[in-house]
Amino acid sequence: MKRLNELILETSQRFPEGEVLTPERFLSLGSRAAVSRCLSRLVQRGCLIRVSHGIYVMPIATKFGPPDFRPPAPYKVIQSLAAVTNEVIVRHGAYVANALGLTTQMPLREIFLTNGHARTLQFGAYQVEIRCAPAWLMSLGATLAGDAARALAWIDAPFAMQAAAKLHALLPDSEWLALTSAQGSMPEWMADAICAQSNRA
């Protein structure tokens, strides 16, 4: 009969890169205490990576093969974490503003925003921070309209009109409509910038 740690490892190896593994996913194999002990042992052996308290991922073999491994891509872990926890986790406004061409500044750290719990994920020497965000900033979820709102919030009031004009030209009509529909919950300066562009249409 296979040991619990072997069963956990075999199960973990079936998941795609970046799949988040928590003790709850293995309770059909053993008690929570036993599963937690086995996960800790697998981390010590290098078979799993603990990226945060109670959150584990499988390392990925490099092209050189064992024993060379790397952590999974952080964004894949973020996507899996959002699905497992049923939280909205999205890119920080600084990253989105750069991706949308509103700024040439590139954030030095990888930061995400969530409507759930704040966390710091550790990928070896590399950290990814997940910060709690106000409800209004997350109300449009992981959509292009939501990204636009977070980009505008990061750009801030002095450049809001110019940024809103660029977004109006860039966003599909449906996404711009979604953005305008959320004006009521936004800061006044932000709502004014969006409204000004809508009035010019």
Protein backbone atom coordinates (compact mmCIF):
# COMPACT_ATOMS: atom_id res chain seq x y z
CA MET A 1 0.00 0.00 0.00
CA LYS A 2 1.38 3.41 -0.95
CA ARG A 3 2.30 5.92 1.72
CA LEU A 4 0.38 9.18 2.05
CA ASN A 5 3.27 11.31 0.81
CA GLU A 6 3.53 9.15 -2.32
CA LEU A 7 -0.19 9.48 -2.98
CA ILE A 8 -0.04 13.27 -2.53
CA LEU A 9 2.94 13.55 -4.87
CA GLU A 10 1.33 11.35 -7.53
CA THR A 11 -1.86 13.42 -7.38
CA SER A 12 0.09 16.70 -7.54
CA GLN A 13 1.99 15.59 -10.63
CA ARG A 14 -1.26 15.28 -12.59
CA PHE A 15 -2.03 19.00 -12.30
CA PRO A 16 -0.92 21.60 -14.88
CA GLU A 17 1.89 24.07 -14.22
CA GLY A 18 1.07 26.58 -11.50
CA GLU A 19 -1.86 24.64 -10.01
CA VAL A 20 -2.27 25.67 -6.39
CA LEU A 21 -2.17 22.80 -3.91
CA THR A 22 -3.71 23.20 -0.47
CA PRO A 23 -4.22 20.65 2.32
CA GLU A 24 -7.96 20.67 1.60
CA ARG A 25 -7.34 19.14 -1.84
CA PHE A 26 -5.91 15.97 -0.25
CA LEU A 27 -8.28 15.34 2.65
CA SER A 28 -9.74 12.35 0.81
CA LEU A 29 -6.32 10.71 1.29
CA GLY A 30 -5.85 11.33 5.02
CA SER A 31 -6.52 13.58 8.01
CA ARG A 32 -5.66 17.26 7.80
CA ALA A 33 -2.83 16.86 10.32
CA ALA A 34 -1.32 13.95 8.38
CA VAL A 35 -1.67 15.75 5.05
CA SER A 36 -0.05 18.91 6.45
CA ARG A 37 2.89 16.88 7.79
CA CYS A 38 3.37 15.16 4.44
CA LEU A 39 3.25 18.45 2.54
CA SER A 40 5.95 19.86 4.84
CA ARG A 41 8.13 16.78 4.26
CA LEU A 42 7.68 17.07 0.50
CA VAL A 43 8.80 20.70 0.69
CA GLN A 44 11.89 19.68 2.66
CA ARG A 45 12.71 17.09 0.01
CA GLY A 46 12.32 19.63 -2.78
CA CYS A 47 9.31 17.83 -4.27
CA LEU A 48 6.98 20.77 -3.59
CA ILE A 49 7.40 24.52 -3.16
CA ARG A 50 5.61 26.39 -0.39
CA VAL A 51 4.76 29.79 -1.89
CA SER A 52 2.72 31.00 1.10
CA HIS A 53 1.19 29.65 4.28
CA GLY A 54 -0.87 26.59 3.33
CA ILE A 55 -0.26 27.11 -0.40
CA TYR A 56 2.01 24.79 -2.37
CA VAL A 57 2.95 24.26 -6.03
CA MET A 58 4.86 21.66 -7.99
CA PRO A 59 8.33 22.67 -9.22
CA ILE A 60 8.89 22.45 -12.97
CA ALA A 61 11.77 20.47 -14.45
CA THR A 62 14.05 22.56 -16.66
CA LYS A 63 15.41 21.52 -20.06
CA PHE A 64 18.44 20.15 -18.24
CA GLY A 65 16.24 17.65 -16.42
CA PRO A 66 16.48 16.53 -12.78
CA PRO A 67 17.77 17.71 -10.40
CA ASP A 68 17.32 21.15 -12.02
CA PHE A 69 13.91 22.62 -11.30
CA ARG A 70 12.31 26.05 -11.39
CA PRO A 71 9.20 27.47 -9.74
CA PRO A 72 6.10 27.64 -11.94
CA ALA A 73 5.27 30.90 -13.74
CA PRO A 74 3.85 33.28 -11.08
CA TYR A 75 0.92 34.39 -13.25
CA LYS A 76 -0.23 30.77 -13.65
CA VAL A 77 -0.12 30.38 -9.88
CA ILE A 78 -2.15 33.59 -9.48
CA GLN A 79 -4.80 32.32 -11.91
CA SER A 80 -5.07 29.02 -10.07
CA LEU A 81 -5.19 30.75 -6.67
CA ALA A 82 -8.07 32.93 -7.85
CA ALA A 83 -9.99 29.86 -9.01
CA VAL A 84 -9.29 27.84 -5.85
CA THR A 85 -10.18 30.67 -3.43
CA ASN A 86 -13.00 32.11 -5.57
CA GLU A 87 -11.35 35.54 -5.30
CA VAL A 88 -10.81 38.18 -7.97
CA ILE A 89 -7.05 38.67 -8.39
CA VAL A 90 -5.91 41.13 -11.04
CA ARG A 91 -2.83 43.06 -12.15
CA HIS A 92 -1.94 46.26 -10.35
CA GLY A 93 -2.86 49.51 -12.10
CA ALA A 94 0.80 50.35 -12.79
CA TYR A 95 1.26 47.20 -14.84
CA VAL A 96 -2.03 47.68 -16.68
CA ALA A 97 -1.28 51.33 -17.45
CA ASN A 98 1.97 50.26 -19.07
CA ALA A 99 0.31 47.42 -21.00
CA LEU A 100 -2.38 49.79 -22.31
CA GLY A 101 0.20 52.36 -23.41
CA LEU A 102 -0.78 55.01 -20.87
CA THR A 103 2.74 55.16 -19.42
CA THR A 104 6.24 53.99 -20.28
CA GLN A 105 7.02 53.32 -16.62
CA MET A 106 7.45 49.66 -15.80
CA PRO A 107 6.78 48.54 -12.22
CA LEU A 108 9.84 47.13 -10.48
CA ARG A 109 7.83 44.56 -8.50
CA GLU A 110 5.05 42.24 -9.56
CA ILE A 111 1.96 43.31 -7.62
CA PHE A 112 -1.63 42.10 -7.88
CA LEU A 113 -4.85 43.35 -6.33
CA THR A 114 -7.60 41.24 -4.78
CA ASN A 115 -11.00 41.43 -3.18
CA GLY A 116 -9.84 38.63 -0.87
CA HIS A 117 -6.87 38.15 1.43
CA ALA A 118 -3.55 39.97 1.13
CA ARG A 119 -0.60 37.60 0.65
CA THR A 120 3.01 37.51 -0.39
CA LEU A 121 3.93 34.58 -2.61
CA GLN A 122 7.55 33.42 -2.53
CA PHE A 123 9.09 31.88 -5.65
CA GLY A 124 12.62 31.21 -4.49
CA ALA A 125 14.23 34.65 -4.24
CA TYR A 126 11.37 36.24 -6.22
CA GLN A 127 8.33 37.67 -4.46
CA VAL A 128 4.86 38.49 -5.74
CA GLU A 129 2.67 40.71 -3.58
CA ILE A 130 -1.12 40.47 -3.52
CA ARG A 131 -2.74 43.54 -1.96
CA CYS A 132 -6.32 44.11 -0.83
CA ALA A 133 -8.10 46.70 -2.97
CA PRO A 134 -11.24 48.77 -2.29
CA ALA A 135 -14.49 47.33 -3.57
CA TRP A 136 -15.02 50.05 -6.19
CA LEU A 137 -11.66 49.28 -7.78
CA MET A 138 -12.56 45.60 -8.12
CA SER A 139 -16.23 46.00 -9.06
CA LEU A 140 -15.62 45.38 -12.79
CA GLY A 141 -13.60 42.25 -12.07
CA ALA A 142 -10.97 40.76 -14.36
CA THR A 143 -12.21 42.54 -17.48
CA LEU A 144 -10.70 45.09 -19.84
CA ALA A 145 -13.02 47.71 -18.34
CA GLY A 146 -11.76 46.73 -14.88
CA ASP A 147 -8.17 47.03 -16.08
CA ALA A 148 -8.96 50.49 -17.46
CA ALA A 149 -10.40 51.59 -14.11
CA ARG A 150 -7.33 50.36 -12.24
CA ALA A 151 -5.01 52.03 -14.76
CA LEU A 152 -6.86 55.34 -14.34
CA ALA A 153 -6.72 55.05 -10.56
CA TRP A 154 -2.95 54.61 -10.74
CA ILE A 155 -2.49 57.44 -13.27
CA ASP A 156 -4.28 59.73 -10.75
CA ALA A 157 -6.18 62.98 -11.13
CA PRO A 158 -3.63 65.29 -12.85
CA PHE A 159 -3.43 63.06 -15.93
CA ALA A 160 -6.90 61.53 -15.83
CA MET A 161 -8.40 63.45 -18.76
CA GLN A 162 -5.57 62.54 -21.12
CA ALA A 163 -5.57 58.90 -20.01
CA ALA A 164 -9.37 58.64 -20.32
CA ALA A 165 -9.16 59.96 -23.89
CA LYS A 166 -6.67 57.23 -24.79
CA LEU A 167 -8.81 54.58 -23.14
CA HIS A 168 -11.92 55.78 -24.97
CA ALA A 169 -10.13 55.29 -28.28
CA LEU A 170 -8.68 51.95 -27.23
CA LEU A 171 -11.55 50.12 -25.54
CA PRO A 172 -14.27 48.28 -27.47
CA ASP A 173 -17.67 49.96 -27.11
CA SER A 174 -18.93 47.26 -24.76
CA GLU A 175 -15.99 47.70 -22.39
CA TRP A 176 -16.25 51.49 -22.44
CA LEU A 177 -19.95 51.18 -21.63
CA ALA A 178 -19.10 48.90 -18.71
CA LEU A 179 -16.55 51.44 -17.49
CA THR A 180 -19.04 54.31 -17.67
CA SER A 181 -21.67 52.26 -15.86
CA ALA A 182 -19.39 52.09 -12.80
CA GLN A 183 -18.88 55.85 -12.50
CA GLY A 184 -21.15 56.11 -9.49
CA SER A 185 -18.71 54.22 -7.26
CA MET A 186 -15.55 55.96 -8.51
CA PRO A 187 -13.75 59.00 -7.08
CA GLU A 188 -15.23 62.22 -8.48
CA TRP A 189 -12.14 63.18 -10.50
CA MET A 190 -12.12 59.78 -12.19
CA ALA A 191 -15.84 59.77 -12.96
CA ASP A 192 -15.53 63.31 -14.38
CA ALA A 193 -12.72 62.26 -16.74
CA ILE A 194 -14.75 59.31 -18.05
CA CYS A 195 -17.93 61.37 -18.34
CA ALA A 196 -16.10 64.07 -20.31
CA GLN A 197 -15.02 61.53 -22.90
CA SER A 198 -18.50 60.02 -23.16
CA ASN A 199 -19.96 63.48 -23.77
CA ARG A 200 -17.55 64.04 -26.65
CA ALA A 201 -18.62 60.86 -28.42
